[in-house]
Amino acid sequence: MQMNEEKDSPAARTVAALVARARAAQQVAEGYDQQRVDELVAAAGWAIMEPARNRALAELAVADTGIGNVDDKVRKNHRKTLGLLRDLQGARSVGVIHEDADKGITEIARPVGVVCAVTPSTNPAATPANKIINALKGSNAVIVAPSPKGWSTCAQLIAHIHAQFDRIGAPRDLVQCLPAPVDKASTHELMRQCDLVVATGSQANVRAAYTCGTPAFGVGAGNVASIVDETADAELAAERIVLSKTFDNATSCSSENSLVAVASAAEPLLAALCARGAWLLGAARKAELAQLMWPEGRLSPAVIGQSATRIAEKMAAREGAGRPEWQAIATARPSMLIVEEDDFGEDHPYSGEKLSPVIALYRVADFAQAADTVRQLYAYQGAGHSVGLHSARPERALALGLRLPVSRVILNQPHCIATGGSFDNGLPFSLSMGCGTWGGNNFSDNLNYRHYLNVTRVSQPIPEQVPSEREIFGSFFDKYGTA
């Protein structure tokens, strides 16, 4: 009885109406050829990339969420969307997409249907745009479930997309948004009624996606560490780290949360970081900052997506804090705040994700201890995501990939910019990073258009290819015999 009541709830009825409209529109899109589908993609991309719209969306996002900064959101909206459109250009997603004559296999792309896109407040324009474009590339309809704080930005983005659809004569209902106020009930109903869920944001949303009864892709928790070894160029490493850690006030799950420096590299690295505006906190200031950041054992919204200067200003206004020193730090307008750490876990909150320009520094004896330190960090939080390495020995990146529970190893690059795809690396442009089984996910790729497709395979007969027992067991027999 309770289940029937839930299915007839106001949220269920509202979502059912949206889904019905989406299904009707998707049936239209399913008849489009590749050229027409690519027009949908271009229309949605231009909706966010046109400079005036881009900046207005960035300003609205910061005004409504209080997270990040406008100029970086403008760059993110532009760069991530442009990179995604580059990845999709020429990609086949309609009809026959691959033929293998030797194996007699023909692959046909088929839509998944109606996609539920759960998106976070940290990227209320860029992440919905990325998911919408990928979904459209597969001839799907998509309904966005934004965070409550990000609703107005998402709604404005979709209004821009609808205007572009009007220009090309495409159905508006291909892209929709849950009506405000967005809550757990409506989001969970959307998850239940759609054909595929793609969830980015809190681990609570990811867990809900995985248990909603609908096929789902979800992402793991971020808590990226970057290793700086004894061969690294300290100036280049510092430049990349500051660029990454300060971008959009460290709202990205790919922003570094810890630096693991080999002993001989630590002081040159610190000097280079401080020359770029970083501020190393002493033990007293570290303890005071922890009270602001984790007042009840959980990361406080008071620091999420705030600049280092703003955080220092908040500390200068707190009772019981070292106000003169915090005021001096705020006046210096630091780029980021550094604390030294040597342990891991709940009793050492700086070892976890901070979603702000605050970073922990671990000093280690050598590269082997650096790798083990990252392993211990990820045993607490962040397993499966990625690790950074600043080194003149690229073979060490391979060693980390063979040993650590990570889906990506980022060598000598600004981590948060590189991990989600960049114009100077080969990773797909995405704002949703799979973390594999290490991170509780069912994929370890950067979420891309292939995840929004079903693929039908036509199998034709080919000449029989039956191996001999010797071809299969030869090396085994030679080593162990045939008993």
Protein backbone atom coordinates (compact mmCIF):
# COMPACT_ATOMS: atom_id res chain seq x y z
CA MET A 1 0.00 0.00 0.00
CA GLN A 2 2.81 2.39 0.89
CA MET A 3 4.55 1.69 -2.45
CA ASN A 4 1.37 2.51 -4.37
CA GLU A 5 0.96 5.71 -2.37
CA GLU A 6 4.54 6.70 -3.22
CA LYS A 7 3.90 6.07 -6.92
CA ASP A 8 0.85 8.32 -6.73
CA SER A 9 2.55 11.06 -4.74
CA PRO A 10 2.71 14.65 -6.03
CA ALA A 11 6.41 14.15 -6.84
CA ALA A 12 5.66 10.97 -8.78
CA ARG A 13 2.91 12.65 -10.80
CA THR A 14 5.07 15.69 -11.59
CA VAL A 15 7.97 13.53 -12.71
CA ALA A 16 5.71 11.22 -14.72
CA ALA A 17 4.47 14.20 -16.74
CA LEU A 18 8.03 15.33 -17.47
CA VAL A 19 9.10 11.84 -18.46
CA ALA A 20 6.11 11.39 -20.76
CA ARG A 21 7.00 14.58 -22.60
CA ALA A 22 10.65 13.51 -22.75
CA ARG A 23 9.72 10.12 -24.21
CA ALA A 24 7.63 11.74 -26.93
CA ALA A 25 10.50 14.07 -27.84
CA GLN A 26 13.01 11.24 -27.74
CA GLN A 27 10.94 9.26 -30.22
CA VAL A 28 11.34 12.18 -32.61
CA ALA A 29 15.11 12.36 -32.02
CA GLU A 30 15.46 8.62 -32.54
CA GLY A 31 14.50 9.20 -36.17
CA TYR A 32 17.27 11.77 -36.71
CA ASP A 33 20.31 11.01 -38.84
CA GLN A 34 23.86 11.76 -37.66
CA GLN A 35 23.89 15.25 -39.15
CA ARG A 36 20.68 16.21 -37.40
CA VAL A 37 21.88 14.78 -34.07
CA ASP A 38 25.08 16.77 -34.41
CA GLU A 39 22.98 19.90 -34.90
CA LEU A 40 21.33 19.20 -31.53
CA VAL A 41 24.78 18.89 -29.99
CA ALA A 42 26.01 22.14 -31.55
CA ALA A 43 22.86 23.98 -30.45
CA ALA A 44 23.28 22.88 -26.84
CA GLY A 45 26.98 23.71 -26.93
CA TRP A 46 26.45 27.21 -28.30
CA ALA A 47 23.75 27.83 -25.69
CA ILE A 48 26.44 27.91 -22.99
CA MET A 49 29.50 28.96 -24.99
CA GLU A 50 28.18 32.20 -26.48
CA PRO A 51 30.25 34.71 -24.45
CA ALA A 52 27.46 36.88 -23.04
CA ARG A 53 25.39 33.86 -22.00
CA ASN A 54 28.46 32.15 -20.57
CA ARG A 55 29.32 35.08 -18.32
CA ALA A 56 25.71 35.59 -17.23
CA LEU A 57 25.49 31.92 -16.24
CA ALA A 58 28.79 32.15 -14.34
CA GLU A 59 27.64 35.24 -12.47
CA LEU A 60 24.31 33.64 -11.60
CA ALA A 61 26.04 30.47 -10.41
CA VAL A 62 28.30 32.35 -7.98
CA ALA A 63 25.50 34.65 -6.81
CA ASP A 64 23.12 31.79 -6.06
CA THR A 65 25.50 29.16 -4.70
CA GLY A 66 28.16 31.40 -3.11
CA ILE A 67 30.72 28.92 -4.45
CA GLY A 68 33.73 29.55 -6.71
CA ASN A 69 34.53 32.66 -8.74
CA VAL A 70 33.02 34.07 -11.89
CA ASP A 71 36.07 34.30 -14.15
CA ASP A 72 37.07 30.69 -13.56
CA LYS A 73 33.52 29.50 -14.14
CA VAL A 74 33.51 31.40 -17.43
CA ARG A 75 36.72 29.59 -18.40
CA LYS A 76 35.34 26.25 -17.24
CA ASN A 77 32.05 26.66 -19.11
CA HIS A 78 33.95 27.54 -22.28
CA ARG A 79 36.88 25.14 -22.10
CA LYS A 80 35.03 22.04 -20.95
CA THR A 81 32.27 22.52 -23.49
CA LEU A 82 34.64 23.31 -26.36
CA GLY A 83 36.76 20.27 -25.49
CA LEU A 84 33.71 18.03 -25.35
CA LEU A 85 32.51 19.29 -28.73
CA ARG A 86 35.97 18.58 -30.15
CA ASP A 87 35.80 15.01 -28.77
CA LEU A 88 32.36 14.50 -30.31
CA GLN A 89 33.16 15.98 -33.71
CA GLY A 90 33.06 13.19 -36.26
CA ALA A 91 32.17 10.54 -33.66
CA ARG A 92 29.54 8.12 -34.95
CA SER A 93 26.56 7.70 -32.62
CA VAL A 94 23.66 6.97 -34.98
CA GLY A 95 23.09 3.75 -36.90
CA VAL A 96 26.12 1.64 -37.78
CA ILE A 97 29.11 2.92 -35.81
CA HIS A 98 31.64 0.12 -36.33
CA GLU A 99 32.22 -2.87 -38.62
CA ASP A 100 34.76 -5.64 -38.10
CA ALA A 101 34.82 -7.81 -41.21
CA ASP A 102 37.32 -10.30 -39.74
CA LYS A 103 35.01 -11.08 -36.86
CA GLY A 104 31.77 -10.58 -38.76
CA ILE A 105 30.52 -8.04 -36.24
CA THR A 106 28.56 -4.87 -37.01
CA GLU A 107 27.83 -2.46 -34.16
CA ILE A 108 24.71 -0.30 -34.18
CA ALA A 109 24.23 2.65 -31.79
CA ARG A 110 20.87 2.78 -30.05
CA PRO A 111 19.58 5.41 -27.59
CA VAL A 112 19.18 4.56 -23.91
CA GLY A 113 15.98 6.63 -23.80
CA VAL A 114 15.38 9.24 -21.09
CA VAL A 115 18.41 10.16 -18.99
CA CYS A 116 18.23 11.46 -15.41
CA ALA A 117 21.21 13.79 -14.91
CA VAL A 118 21.94 14.55 -11.25
CA THR A 119 24.26 17.56 -10.98
CA PRO A 120 26.04 19.41 -8.14
CA SER A 121 26.05 22.99 -6.91
CA THR A 122 29.80 23.30 -7.54
CA ASN A 123 29.31 23.35 -11.33
CA PRO A 124 25.66 24.30 -11.90
CA ALA A 125 26.16 25.15 -15.59
CA ALA A 126 29.21 23.22 -16.84
CA THR A 127 28.18 19.79 -15.51
CA PRO A 128 24.56 19.92 -16.79
CA ALA A 129 25.82 21.14 -20.16
CA ASN A 130 28.31 18.29 -20.38
CA LYS A 131 25.70 15.65 -19.56
CA ILE A 132 23.06 17.20 -21.82
CA ILE A 133 25.41 17.29 -24.80
CA ASN A 134 26.57 13.70 -24.28
CA ALA A 135 22.96 12.53 -23.93
CA LEU A 136 21.87 14.36 -27.08
CA LYS A 137 24.78 12.81 -28.99
CA GLY A 138 23.10 9.46 -28.39
CA SER A 139 19.66 10.69 -29.56
CA ASN A 140 18.40 10.65 -25.98
CA ALA A 141 16.20 12.98 -23.99
CA VAL A 142 17.55 14.25 -20.67
CA ILE A 143 15.96 15.63 -17.52
CA VAL A 144 18.31 17.40 -15.10
CA ALA A 145 17.99 17.10 -11.33
CA PRO A 146 20.15 20.02 -10.16
CA SER A 147 21.12 20.80 -6.61
CA PRO A 148 18.65 23.22 -5.00
CA LYS A 149 21.27 25.99 -4.94
CA GLY A 150 22.12 25.41 -8.58
CA TRP A 151 18.54 25.28 -9.87
CA SER A 152 18.28 28.82 -11.21
CA THR A 153 21.53 28.50 -13.15
CA CYS A 154 20.49 25.16 -14.61
CA ALA A 155 17.04 26.49 -15.50
CA GLN A 156 18.59 29.47 -17.26
CA LEU A 157 20.97 27.18 -19.18
CA ILE A 158 18.04 25.06 -20.35
CA ALA A 159 16.13 28.17 -21.38
CA HIS A 160 19.10 29.07 -23.59
CA ILE A 161 19.14 25.53 -25.01
CA HIS A 162 15.41 25.77 -25.78
CA ALA A 163 16.01 29.04 -27.63
CA GLN A 164 18.67 27.35 -29.73
CA PHE A 165 16.36 24.37 -30.36
CA ASP A 166 13.71 26.79 -31.58
CA ARG A 167 16.23 28.07 -34.13
CA ILE A 168 16.80 24.60 -35.56
CA GLY A 169 13.26 23.27 -35.17
CA ALA A 170 14.02 20.65 -32.50
CA PRO A 171 11.60 19.66 -29.70
CA ARG A 172 12.25 21.53 -26.46
CA ASP A 173 11.21 18.53 -24.38
CA LEU A 174 14.45 16.76 -25.31
CA VAL A 175 16.02 18.77 -22.47
CA GLN A 176 14.11 19.51 -19.27
CA CYS A 177 14.75 20.32 -15.61
CA LEU A 178 12.94 19.34 -12.45
CA PRO A 179 10.77 22.23 -11.28
CA ALA A 180 11.70 24.16 -8.16
CA PRO A 181 11.88 23.50 -5.35
CA VAL A 182 14.05 20.46 -6.08
CA ASP A 183 14.04 17.99 -3.19
CA LYS A 184 15.03 14.40 -2.48
CA ALA A 185 11.56 13.08 -3.29
CA SER A 186 11.46 14.52 -6.81
CA THR A 187 15.09 13.60 -7.52
CA HIS A 188 14.55 10.00 -6.40
CA GLU A 189 11.35 9.78 -8.45
CA LEU A 190 13.22 10.97 -11.52
CA MET A 191 15.90 8.36 -10.89
CA ARG A 192 13.22 5.69 -10.64
CA GLN A 193 11.23 6.66 -13.73
CA CYS A 194 14.03 7.34 -16.21
CA ASP A 195 16.00 4.77 -18.23
CA LEU A 196 19.52 5.74 -17.12
CA VAL A 197 20.87 7.76 -14.19
CA VAL A 198 24.15 9.67 -14.38
CA ALA A 199 24.92 11.09 -10.94
CA THR A 200 27.63 13.59 -10.05
CA GLY A 201 27.94 15.26 -6.67
CA SER A 202 27.55 14.01 -3.13
CA GLN A 203 28.11 10.38 -2.29
CA ALA A 204 24.56 10.33 -0.88
CA ASN A 205 23.24 11.07 -4.38
CA VAL A 206 25.53 8.45 -5.91
CA ARG A 207 24.38 5.81 -3.44
CA ALA A 208 20.75 6.74 -4.12
CA ALA A 209 21.41 6.39 -7.86
CA TYR A 210 22.91 2.93 -7.42
CA THR A 211 19.96 1.72 -5.34
CA CYS A 212 17.08 3.33 -7.24
CA GLY A 213 16.42 0.30 -9.44
CA THR A 214 17.46 2.07 -12.66
CA PRO A 215 20.82 1.44 -14.39
CA ALA A 216 23.20 4.12 -13.14
CA PHE A 217 26.63 5.64 -13.48
CA GLY A 218 27.93 7.41 -10.38
CA VAL A 219 31.26 8.94 -9.42
CA GLY A 220 33.50 8.34 -6.42
CA ALA A 221 34.73 10.75 -3.79
CA GLY A 222 37.60 13.08 -4.57
CA ASN A 223 40.63 13.57 -2.33
CA VAL A 224 43.47 13.91 -4.78
CA ALA A 225 47.08 13.73 -3.67
CA SER A 226 50.04 14.83 -5.78
CA ILE A 227 53.56 13.52 -5.31
CA VAL A 228 56.55 15.84 -5.83
CA ASP A 229 59.71 13.76 -6.03
CA GLU A 230 63.39 14.68 -5.76
CA THR A 231 63.75 15.07 -9.55
CA ALA A 232 60.88 17.55 -9.99
CA ASP A 233 61.41 21.12 -11.12
CA ALA A 234 60.11 22.93 -8.01
CA GLU A 235 59.14 26.09 -9.90
CA LEU A 236 57.17 24.25 -12.57
CA ALA A 237 55.54 21.97 -10.01
CA ALA A 238 54.50 24.94 -7.86
CA GLU A 239 53.12 26.80 -10.87
CA ARG A 240 50.98 23.81 -11.86
CA ILE A 241 49.81 23.11 -8.32
CA VAL A 242 48.77 26.71 -7.61
CA LEU A 243 46.97 26.95 -10.96
CA SER A 244 45.09 23.74 -10.20
CA LYS A 245 44.39 24.27 -6.50
CA THR A 246 43.14 27.85 -6.85
CA PHE A 247 41.00 27.29 -9.97
CA ASP A 248 37.38 28.11 -9.11
CA ASN A 249 38.39 28.10 -5.43
CA ALA A 250 39.15 24.36 -5.50
CA THR A 251 35.56 23.28 -6.07
CA SER A 252 36.61 20.47 -8.40
CA CYS A 253 36.83 16.86 -7.18
CA SER A 254 40.11 16.84 -9.12
CA SER A 255 41.75 19.61 -7.09
CA GLU A 256 44.72 18.54 -5.01
CA ASN A 257 43.96 18.06 -1.33
CA SER A 258 47.40 16.83 -0.29
CA LEU A 259 50.97 17.25 -1.47
CA VAL A 260 53.37 14.42 -0.73
CA ALA A 261 56.89 15.78 -1.07
CA VAL A 262 60.11 13.78 -0.95
CA ALA A 263 62.30 15.33 1.78
CA SER A 264 64.84 16.97 -0.51
CA ALA A 265 62.05 18.49 -2.61
CA ALA A 266 59.91 19.84 0.25
CA GLU A 267 61.68 23.11 1.04
CA PRO A 268 62.26 24.18 -2.59
CA LEU A 269 58.60 23.36 -3.28
CA LEU A 270 57.38 25.34 -0.29
CA ALA A 271 59.51 28.32 -1.28
CA ALA A 272 58.13 28.21 -4.82
CA LEU A 273 54.55 27.89 -3.56
CA CYS A 274 54.94 30.79 -1.14
CA ALA A 275 56.46 32.89 -3.91
CA ARG A 276 53.15 32.35 -5.70
CA GLY A 277 51.07 33.55 -2.76
CA ALA A 278 50.65 30.37 -0.72
CA TRP A 279 50.76 30.74 3.08
CA LEU A 280 52.14 28.06 5.38
CA LEU A 281 50.18 27.95 8.67
CA GLY A 282 51.82 27.10 11.97
CA ALA A 283 50.38 24.58 14.42
CA ALA A 284 48.21 27.11 16.28
CA ARG A 285 46.62 28.55 13.15
CA LYS A 286 46.14 25.03 11.77
CA ALA A 287 44.17 24.04 14.87
CA GLU A 288 42.06 27.22 14.72
CA LEU A 289 41.26 26.73 11.05
CA ALA A 290 40.11 23.17 11.73
CA GLN A 291 37.44 24.54 14.07
CA LEU A 292 36.02 26.65 11.24
CA MET A 293 36.27 23.93 8.62
CA TRP A 294 34.91 20.98 10.63
CA PRO A 295 32.84 22.48 13.49
CA GLU A 296 30.76 19.31 13.96
CA GLY A 297 33.04 16.76 12.34
CA ARG A 298 31.77 17.53 8.83
CA LEU A 299 33.13 19.98 6.28
CA SER A 300 31.36 23.31 6.74
CA PRO A 301 29.65 25.20 3.88
CA ALA A 302 31.38 28.26 5.35
CA VAL A 303 34.60 27.29 3.54
CA ILE A 304 33.42 25.31 0.51
CA GLY A 305 34.37 27.14 -2.68
CA GLN A 306 35.63 30.21 -0.80
CA SER A 307 38.92 31.91 -1.62
CA ALA A 308 41.87 31.61 0.75
CA THR A 309 41.56 35.33 1.44
CA ARG A 310 37.89 35.00 2.36
CA ILE A 311 38.66 32.08 4.66
CA ALA A 312 41.38 34.12 6.39
CA GLU A 313 38.93 37.01 6.80
CA LYS A 314 36.42 34.68 8.45
CA MET A 315 39.14 33.46 10.80
CA ALA A 316 40.13 37.03 11.67
CA ALA A 317 36.54 37.67 12.75
CA ARG A 318 36.27 34.59 14.98
CA GLU A 319 36.36 34.73 18.74
CA GLY A 320 39.36 32.96 20.23
CA ALA A 321 41.42 32.91 17.03
CA GLY A 322 44.77 34.62 16.57
CA ARG A 323 43.12 37.64 15.04
CA PRO A 324 46.21 39.80 14.35
CA GLU A 325 47.95 37.01 12.47
CA TRP A 326 44.81 36.02 10.59
CA GLN A 327 44.25 39.65 9.67
CA ALA A 328 47.82 39.82 8.36
CA ILE A 329 47.19 36.68 6.31
CA ALA A 330 43.95 38.11 4.91
CA THR A 331 45.65 41.41 4.05
CA ALA A 332 48.33 39.49 2.12
CA ARG A 333 45.54 37.97 -0.05
CA PRO A 334 46.97 34.44 -0.10
CA SER A 335 46.41 32.16 -3.07
CA MET A 336 46.13 29.08 -0.86
CA LEU A 337 46.69 27.92 2.73
CA ILE A 338 49.11 25.08 3.54
CA VAL A 339 49.13 22.95 6.69
CA GLU A 340 51.66 20.25 7.52
CA GLU A 341 50.21 16.82 8.26
CA ASP A 342 51.64 13.40 9.10
CA ASP A 343 48.65 11.12 9.71
CA PHE A 344 45.35 10.00 8.19
CA GLY A 345 41.71 9.40 9.07
CA GLU A 346 38.79 11.03 10.84
CA ASP A 347 40.97 12.30 13.68
CA HIS A 348 43.09 14.11 11.08
CA PRO A 349 40.51 15.92 8.93
CA TYR A 350 43.13 17.69 6.83
CA SER A 351 43.84 14.27 5.29
CA GLY A 352 40.41 14.38 3.61
CA GLU A 353 38.73 16.41 0.88
CA LYS A 354 38.52 20.13 1.66
CA LEU A 355 36.77 21.71 -1.39
CA SER A 356 38.65 24.94 -0.71
CA PRO A 357 42.15 26.36 -1.34
CA VAL A 358 43.51 24.56 1.76
CA ILE A 359 46.07 21.83 1.20
CA ALA A 360 47.95 19.39 3.44
CA LEU A 361 51.68 18.79 3.05
CA TYR A 362 53.24 15.42 3.88
CA ARG A 363 57.03 15.07 4.02
CA VAL A 364 58.42 11.63 3.14
CA ALA A 365 61.86 10.08 2.82
CA ASP A 366 61.69 8.81 -0.75
CA PHE A 367 59.41 7.89 -3.65
CA ALA A 368 58.49 4.50 -2.18
CA GLN A 369 57.26 6.17 1.01
CA ALA A 370 55.44 8.78 -1.08
CA ALA A 371 53.49 6.06 -2.87
CA ASP A 372 52.70 4.36 0.44
CA THR A 373 51.52 7.68 1.92
CA VAL A 374 49.09 8.13 -0.98
CA ARG A 375 47.89 4.57 -0.48
CA GLN A 376 47.13 5.35 3.18
CA LEU A 377 45.39 8.60 2.25
CA TYR A 378 43.15 6.78 -0.20
CA ALA A 379 42.42 4.03 2.30
CA TYR A 380 40.71 6.84 4.23
CA GLN A 381 39.17 8.76 1.32
CA GLY A 382 39.52 9.18 -2.43
CA ALA A 383 40.30 5.65 -3.63
CA GLY A 384 39.85 5.16 -7.34
CA HIS A 385 39.99 8.79 -8.44
CA SER A 386 43.49 9.85 -9.50
CA VAL A 387 46.96 10.80 -8.36
CA GLY A 388 49.32 13.51 -9.54
CA LEU A 389 53.07 13.17 -10.04
CA HIS A 390 55.63 15.90 -10.60
CA SER A 391 58.84 14.19 -11.66
CA ALA A 392 61.56 14.01 -14.30
CA ARG A 393 61.20 10.22 -14.24
CA PRO A 394 58.07 9.34 -16.24
CA GLU A 395 58.49 5.63 -15.50
CA ARG A 396 57.39 6.43 -11.96
CA ALA A 397 53.92 7.34 -13.29
CA LEU A 398 53.64 3.79 -14.64
CA ALA A 399 54.78 2.44 -11.26
CA LEU A 400 51.98 4.37 -9.53
CA GLY A 401 49.44 3.13 -12.05
CA LEU A 402 50.49 -0.46 -11.36
CA ARG A 403 50.38 -0.08 -7.57
CA LEU A 404 47.86 2.51 -6.40
CA PRO A 405 44.03 2.23 -6.45
CA VAL A 406 43.58 5.02 -9.01
CA SER A 407 41.88 5.34 -12.38
CA ARG A 408 44.23 8.08 -13.61
CA VAL A 409 47.85 9.09 -13.08
CA ILE A 410 48.45 12.73 -14.06
CA LEU A 411 52.10 13.41 -14.87
CA ASN A 412 53.51 16.96 -14.80
CA GLN A 413 50.20 18.75 -15.39
CA PRO A 414 47.83 21.01 -13.40
CA HIS A 415 45.78 18.23 -11.92
CA CYS A 416 42.23 19.61 -11.81
CA ILE A 417 42.54 20.93 -15.36
CA ALA A 418 44.12 17.77 -16.77
CA THR A 419 42.06 15.03 -15.12
CA GLY A 420 38.80 15.92 -16.81
CA GLY A 421 40.44 16.15 -20.23
CA SER A 422 42.62 18.90 -21.63
CA PHE A 423 43.75 20.12 -25.02
CA ASP A 424 47.27 18.91 -24.20
CA ASN A 425 46.40 15.36 -23.08
CA GLY A 426 44.32 12.53 -24.46
CA LEU A 427 41.71 12.10 -21.73
CA PRO A 428 38.06 12.70 -22.74
CA PHE A 429 36.65 16.06 -21.67
CA SER A 430 34.29 15.40 -18.77
CA LEU A 431 33.22 16.71 -15.39
CA SER A 432 32.31 13.25 -14.10
CA MET A 433 35.16 10.88 -13.29
CA GLY A 434 34.50 7.20 -12.73
CA CYS A 435 36.56 5.71 -9.91
CA GLY A 436 36.21 2.00 -10.60
CA THR A 437 35.40 -0.55 -7.94
CA TRP A 438 37.97 1.13 -5.66
CA GLY A 439 35.63 4.13 -5.44
CA GLY A 440 32.40 2.13 -5.45
CA ASN A 441 31.72 2.76 -9.16
CA ASN A 442 30.97 0.46 -12.06
CA PHE A 443 33.29 2.29 -14.47
CA SER A 444 36.72 3.92 -14.34
CA ASP A 445 36.56 6.15 -17.44
CA ASN A 446 35.85 9.82 -17.77
CA LEU A 447 32.08 9.75 -18.37
CA ASN A 448 31.57 10.27 -22.12
CA TYR A 449 29.00 9.83 -24.88
CA ARG A 450 29.62 6.08 -25.16
CA HIS A 451 28.10 5.66 -21.70
CA TYR A 452 24.84 7.14 -23.04
CA LEU A 453 24.45 4.50 -25.77
CA ASN A 454 23.14 1.00 -26.08
CA VAL A 455 24.99 -0.96 -28.74
CA THR A 456 23.37 -3.73 -30.77
CA ARG A 457 25.78 -6.20 -32.40
CA VAL A 458 24.96 -8.07 -35.58
CA SER A 459 26.96 -11.29 -35.88
CA GLN A 460 27.55 -12.92 -39.27
CA PRO A 461 29.18 -16.32 -39.86
CA ILE A 462 32.92 -16.35 -40.54
CA PRO A 463 35.35 -19.19 -41.35
CA GLU A 464 35.67 -21.46 -38.34
CA GLN A 465 38.74 -20.85 -36.18
CA VAL A 466 39.27 -23.72 -33.73
CA PRO A 467 42.65 -23.71 -31.92
CA SER A 468 44.55 -26.88 -31.10
CA GLU A 469 45.11 -27.91 -27.50
CA ARG A 470 48.80 -27.18 -28.03
CA GLU A 471 48.04 -23.57 -29.06
CA ILE A 472 46.07 -23.04 -25.87
CA PHE A 473 47.99 -25.09 -23.30
CA GLY A 474 51.48 -25.22 -24.79
CA SER A 475 53.32 -23.05 -22.28
CA PHE A 476 51.35 -24.57 -19.39
CA PHE A 477 52.20 -28.15 -20.51
CA ASP A 478 55.87 -27.25 -21.01
CA LYS A 479 56.11 -25.95 -17.45
CA TYR A 480 53.81 -28.32 -15.55
CA GLY A 481 53.26 -31.35 -17.79
CA THR A 482 49.99 -32.85 -18.99
CA ALA A 483 48.91 -34.75 -15.88
